Amino acid sequence: MNPLDFVGTPDWRSAVLAVAFALPWLLLLVGRWLRRPWVWVVIVVGAALFPVSIGWIQVPIQQGINALYVQNVPPETLQRYALLAAVPLVLIAGLVQEVVKFIDAVGGLFLVRARHVPVAGLALGAAAGAGYGAMEAFWVFNQIFAVGFTWATVQLGGIAALVGFIERFFTVMFHTAVVALAAYGYATRRPWRYLLLAIVLHTLVDYLVPLLQYGVITSVETQILVGLVSAAAMVAALWVRWRVRHVSGNVDSDSPVPPLQ
């Protein structure tokens, strides 16, 4: 697929909102590392990787899985076990997106020559996740504004009209936090544990979509669960950052810090 399909028709309001949703997490987790030019490169690369990873990797693989289902599984069986059939599809989404963001963060660690500095892992991971999540939010906001979203829409629809924005607030938080943790794992020489955690959490969050589609949970429950998982991931990332500060005495130093056990 064309990656530009996952950008949409640009709207300046979408850009402003995407930056606003990413900025708090950048300030909290990246901090003074934002003064380093290579960190901004990681953010920009993360943003560029969103449409590329979706259009050229994730969607083609998912389309291939769907084609295998159609060719080999009777429609009635597929319908009966739709929730089970959705597992590989959401797993691919979690795997592709988290690995792509992780590679961006690790590349940044090489660029700043801080491969095994835990605070650098947190900062570069957050930068990669924020860039990726902001671009995803930009795409979603472009779709919302393209259908004619106005203040009158909010007056008529109430809080329901803002669900797309609320969801993006939490998903940008999620993207930022889980990559910060994954890159921290790399910096402390235990990458697979934290990367696997990011993939599992991403898969669980994405699996809420088929659960919603098939009426297992409601829209409100979906948003609450997304918010809870995202907030938990961010709290974990902030706690790790606090621990780095507590141990090293300077959160923005380049000195190694003992890893979490």
Protein backbone atom coordinates (compact mmCIF):
# COMPACT_ATOMS: atom_id res chain seq x y z
CA MET A 1 0.00 0.00 0.00
CA ASN A 2 0.99 3.62 -0.48
CA PRO A 3 2.35 4.94 2.85
CA LEU A 4 0.84 8.33 2.05
CA ASP A 5 -2.56 6.73 2.57
CA PHE A 6 -1.62 6.70 6.25
CA VAL A 7 -0.98 10.43 6.31
CA GLY A 8 -4.15 11.72 4.70
CA THR A 9 -4.89 15.26 3.61
CA PRO A 10 -2.79 17.47 5.90
CA ASP A 11 -4.65 19.89 8.14
CA TRP A 12 -2.82 22.48 10.24
CA ARG A 13 -5.10 21.72 13.19
CA SER A 14 -4.01 18.10 13.05
CA ALA A 15 -0.36 19.14 13.18
CA VAL A 16 -0.92 21.44 16.17
CA LEU A 17 -2.82 18.77 18.09
CA ALA A 18 -0.30 16.03 17.28
CA VAL A 19 2.56 18.18 18.60
CA ALA A 20 0.53 19.18 21.67
CA PHE A 21 -0.22 15.54 22.48
CA ALA A 22 3.43 14.48 22.16
CA LEU A 23 5.11 17.47 23.84
CA PRO A 24 4.27 16.68 27.49
CA TRP A 25 5.79 13.21 27.29
CA LEU A 26 8.87 14.52 25.50
CA LEU A 27 9.40 17.07 28.27
CA LEU A 28 8.86 14.48 31.00
CA LEU A 29 10.96 11.64 29.59
CA VAL A 30 13.46 13.30 27.27
CA GLY A 31 14.08 16.49 29.20
CA ARG A 32 17.36 18.25 28.45
CA TRP A 33 18.26 15.61 25.91
CA LEU A 34 16.02 17.63 23.57
CA ARG A 35 18.97 20.01 23.25
CA ARG A 36 20.87 17.36 21.30
CA PRO A 37 20.26 17.51 17.53
CA TRP A 38 20.38 13.72 17.10
CA VAL A 39 17.37 13.38 19.41
CA TRP A 40 15.33 15.45 16.98
CA VAL A 41 16.54 13.24 14.17
CA VAL A 42 15.14 10.25 16.07
CA ILE A 43 11.80 12.05 16.51
CA VAL A 44 11.57 12.88 12.81
CA VAL A 45 12.60 9.36 11.77
CA GLY A 46 9.99 7.94 14.14
CA ALA A 47 7.32 10.08 12.51
CA ALA A 48 8.43 9.04 9.02
CA LEU A 49 8.47 5.37 10.00
CA PHE A 50 4.78 5.34 10.93
CA PRO A 51 3.30 5.44 7.39
CA VAL A 52 6.18 3.39 5.96
CA SER A 53 5.90 0.59 8.52
CA ILE A 54 2.12 0.43 8.19
CA GLY A 55 1.91 0.71 4.42
CA TRP A 56 4.90 -1.45 3.43
CA ILE A 57 5.16 -3.98 6.25
CA GLN A 58 2.17 -4.32 8.59
CA VAL A 59 -0.76 -4.08 6.17
CA PRO A 60 0.77 -6.35 3.47
CA ILE A 61 1.44 -9.06 6.08
CA GLN A 62 -2.06 -8.71 7.50
CA GLN A 63 -3.53 -8.89 4.00
CA GLY A 64 -1.55 -12.08 3.40
CA ILE A 65 -2.93 -13.63 6.61
CA ASN A 66 -6.47 -12.66 5.61
CA ALA A 67 -5.91 -14.22 2.19
CA LEU A 68 -4.83 -17.47 3.83
CA TYR A 69 -7.98 -17.42 5.94
CA VAL A 70 -10.21 -16.92 2.91
CA GLN A 71 -8.48 -19.67 0.93
CA ASN A 72 -8.32 -22.28 3.69
CA VAL A 73 -11.04 -21.61 6.26
CA PRO A 74 -14.78 -21.93 5.57
CA PRO A 75 -16.62 -18.60 6.07
CA GLU A 76 -18.88 -19.99 8.81
CA THR A 77 -15.86 -21.29 10.75
CA LEU A 78 -14.04 -18.00 10.32
CA GLN A 79 -17.07 -16.14 11.61
CA ARG A 80 -17.43 -18.47 14.58
CA TYR A 81 -13.80 -18.11 15.58
CA ALA A 82 -13.36 -14.50 14.50
CA LEU A 83 -11.83 -13.43 17.81
CA LEU A 84 -9.27 -16.21 17.60
CA ALA A 85 -8.52 -15.38 13.98
CA ALA A 86 -7.86 -11.78 14.98
CA VAL A 87 -4.95 -12.75 17.26
CA PRO A 88 -2.29 -13.09 14.51
CA LEU A 89 -3.45 -9.82 12.95
CA VAL A 90 -3.07 -7.77 16.12
CA LEU A 91 0.15 -9.60 17.01
CA ILE A 92 1.64 -8.52 13.68
CA ALA A 93 0.65 -4.92 14.41
CA GLY A 94 2.31 -5.01 17.82
CA LEU A 95 5.40 -6.78 16.53
CA VAL A 96 5.97 -4.54 13.50
CA GLN A 97 5.33 -1.23 15.23
CA GLU A 98 7.32 -1.94 18.37
CA VAL A 99 10.31 -3.39 16.51
CA VAL A 100 10.38 -0.44 14.10
CA LYS A 101 10.29 2.10 16.94
CA PHE A 102 12.88 0.09 18.87
CA ILE A 103 15.26 0.12 15.90
CA ASP A 104 14.85 3.90 15.61
CA ALA A 105 15.65 4.35 19.31
CA VAL A 106 18.67 2.04 19.21
CA GLY A 107 19.95 3.84 16.13
CA GLY A 108 19.70 7.05 18.11
CA LEU A 109 21.71 5.54 20.96
CA PHE A 110 24.48 4.74 18.50
CA LEU A 111 24.37 8.27 17.10
CA VAL A 112 24.75 9.90 20.52
CA ARG A 113 27.33 7.28 21.53
CA ALA A 114 25.41 6.27 24.62
CA ARG A 115 24.45 2.67 23.88
CA HIS A 116 24.60 1.55 27.49
CA VAL A 117 23.52 4.70 29.32
CA PRO A 118 20.08 3.96 30.84
CA VAL A 119 18.91 7.57 30.87
CA ALA A 120 19.82 7.83 27.20
CA GLY A 121 17.77 4.71 26.49
CA LEU A 122 14.76 6.28 28.16
CA ALA A 123 15.23 9.57 26.31
CA LEU A 124 15.86 8.16 22.85
CA GLY A 125 13.10 5.59 23.25
CA ALA A 126 10.64 8.29 24.26
CA ALA A 127 11.76 10.39 21.29
CA ALA A 128 11.16 7.53 18.85
CA GLY A 129 7.79 6.69 20.37
CA ALA A 130 6.62 10.29 20.50
CA GLY A 131 7.50 10.86 16.85
CA TYR A 132 5.74 7.67 15.78
CA GLY A 133 2.69 8.31 17.95
CA ALA A 134 2.42 11.94 16.88
CA MET A 135 2.37 10.96 13.21
CA GLU A 136 -0.30 8.35 13.88
CA ALA A 137 -2.33 11.02 15.70
CA PHE A 138 -1.79 13.42 12.79
CA TRP A 139 -3.23 10.80 10.42
CA VAL A 140 -6.27 10.17 12.64
CA PHE A 141 -6.91 13.89 13.14
CA ASN A 142 -6.70 14.47 9.38
CA GLN A 143 -9.46 11.89 8.94
CA ILE A 144 -11.60 13.52 11.62
CA PHE A 145 -11.27 17.01 10.18
CA ALA A 146 -11.76 15.73 6.63
CA VAL A 147 -15.35 14.71 7.43
CA GLY A 148 -16.20 18.21 8.59
CA PHE A 149 -15.48 18.26 12.32
CA THR A 150 -16.43 21.64 13.86
CA TRP A 151 -17.40 23.05 17.23
CA ALA A 152 -20.99 22.42 16.22
CA THR A 153 -20.11 18.72 16.05
CA VAL A 154 -19.12 18.84 19.70
CA GLN A 155 -22.27 20.72 20.65
CA LEU A 156 -24.42 18.11 18.93
CA GLY A 157 -22.47 14.98 19.87
CA GLY A 158 -21.11 15.96 23.25
CA ILE A 159 -18.26 13.89 24.66
CA ALA A 160 -18.83 11.20 22.03
CA ALA A 161 -17.61 13.63 19.37
CA LEU A 162 -14.28 13.91 21.18
CA VAL A 163 -13.60 10.19 21.55
CA GLY A 164 -11.11 10.18 18.67
CA PHE A 165 -9.09 12.95 20.31
CA ILE A 166 -9.23 11.37 23.77
CA GLU A 167 -8.07 8.04 22.36
CA ARG A 168 -5.14 9.68 20.57
CA PHE A 169 -4.07 11.42 23.77
CA PHE A 170 -3.64 8.05 25.42
CA THR A 171 -2.14 6.26 22.41
CA VAL A 172 0.58 8.90 21.97
CA MET A 173 1.30 8.44 25.66
CA PHE A 174 1.41 4.67 25.12
CA HIS A 175 3.76 4.80 22.13
CA THR A 176 6.13 7.10 24.00
CA ALA A 177 6.20 5.09 27.22
CA VAL A 178 6.62 1.57 25.87
CA VAL A 179 9.51 2.47 23.56
CA ALA A 180 11.18 4.36 26.40
CA LEU A 181 11.03 1.17 28.44
CA ALA A 182 12.19 -1.03 25.54
CA ALA A 183 15.18 1.22 24.80
CA TYR A 184 15.99 1.38 28.50
CA GLY A 185 16.14 -2.41 28.40
CA TYR A 186 18.59 -2.24 25.52
CA ALA A 187 20.74 0.32 27.35
CA THR A 188 20.89 -1.98 30.39
CA ARG A 189 21.90 -4.92 28.19
CA ARG A 190 18.57 -6.75 28.56
CA PRO A 191 16.70 -5.71 25.43
CA TRP A 192 14.48 -8.71 24.84
CA ARG A 193 12.64 -8.58 28.16
CA TYR A 194 11.51 -4.98 27.71
CA LEU A 195 10.91 -5.25 23.97
CA LEU A 196 8.74 -8.31 24.53
CA LEU A 197 6.80 -6.38 27.17
CA ALA A 198 6.19 -3.57 24.66
CA ILE A 199 5.00 -6.02 22.00
CA VAL A 200 2.67 -7.82 24.41
CA LEU A 201 1.15 -4.58 25.71
CA HIS A 202 0.68 -3.27 22.17
CA THR A 203 -0.98 -6.51 21.10
CA LEU A 204 -3.33 -6.41 24.09
CA VAL A 205 -4.33 -2.81 23.36
CA ASP A 206 -4.95 -3.58 19.68
CA TYR A 207 -6.97 -6.67 20.57
CA LEU A 208 -9.53 -4.38 22.20
CA VAL A 209 -10.64 -3.41 18.67
CA PRO A 210 -11.99 -6.84 17.65
CA LEU A 211 -13.44 -7.24 21.15
CA LEU A 212 -15.33 -3.99 20.54
CA GLN A 213 -16.34 -4.96 17.02
CA TYR A 214 -17.89 -8.23 18.17
CA GLY A 215 -19.67 -6.71 21.14
CA VAL A 216 -17.58 -8.25 23.90
CA ILE A 217 -16.85 -4.81 25.37
CA THR A 218 -18.44 -1.41 24.88
CA SER A 219 -16.86 1.72 23.39
CA VAL A 220 -16.63 3.30 26.84
CA GLU A 221 -14.95 0.20 28.27
CA THR A 222 -12.52 0.21 25.36
CA GLN A 223 -11.47 3.79 25.99
CA ILE A 224 -11.11 3.15 29.72
CA LEU A 225 -8.90 0.11 29.13
CA VAL A 226 -6.73 1.95 26.60
CA GLY A 227 -6.36 4.79 29.07
CA LEU A 228 -5.47 2.49 31.96
CA VAL A 229 -2.83 0.54 30.01
CA SER A 230 -1.33 3.74 28.59
CA ALA A 231 -1.23 5.43 31.97
CA ALA A 232 0.31 2.34 33.58
CA ALA A 233 3.05 2.25 30.92
CA MET A 234 3.79 5.95 31.41
CA VAL A 235 3.88 5.60 35.19
CA ALA A 236 6.35 2.73 34.79
CA ALA A 237 8.55 4.80 32.47
CA LEU A 238 8.45 7.79 34.82
CA TRP A 239 9.26 5.56 37.78
CA VAL A 240 12.29 4.17 35.96
CA ARG A 241 13.36 7.72 35.15
CA TRP A 242 12.94 8.69 38.82
CA ARG A 243 15.02 5.70 39.83
CA VAL A 244 17.76 6.70 37.41
CA ARG A 245 17.74 10.17 38.96
CA HIS A 246 17.72 8.76 42.48
CA VAL A 247 20.69 6.45 41.83
CA SER A 248 22.84 8.73 39.68
CA GLY A 249 21.90 12.03 41.30
CA ASN A 250 21.54 13.64 37.86
CA VAL A 251 18.88 12.51 35.43
CA ASP A 252 20.58 14.14 32.47
CA SER A 253 24.05 12.78 33.13
CA ASP A 254 25.77 10.28 30.88
CA SER A 255 26.98 8.16 33.77
CA PRO A 256 25.92 4.49 33.83
CA VAL A 257 23.21 3.52 36.29
CA PRO A 258 22.60 0.02 37.69
CA PRO A 259 19.75 -1.69 35.81
CA LEU A 260 16.46 -2.72 37.36
CA GLN A 261 16.39 -6.27 38.62
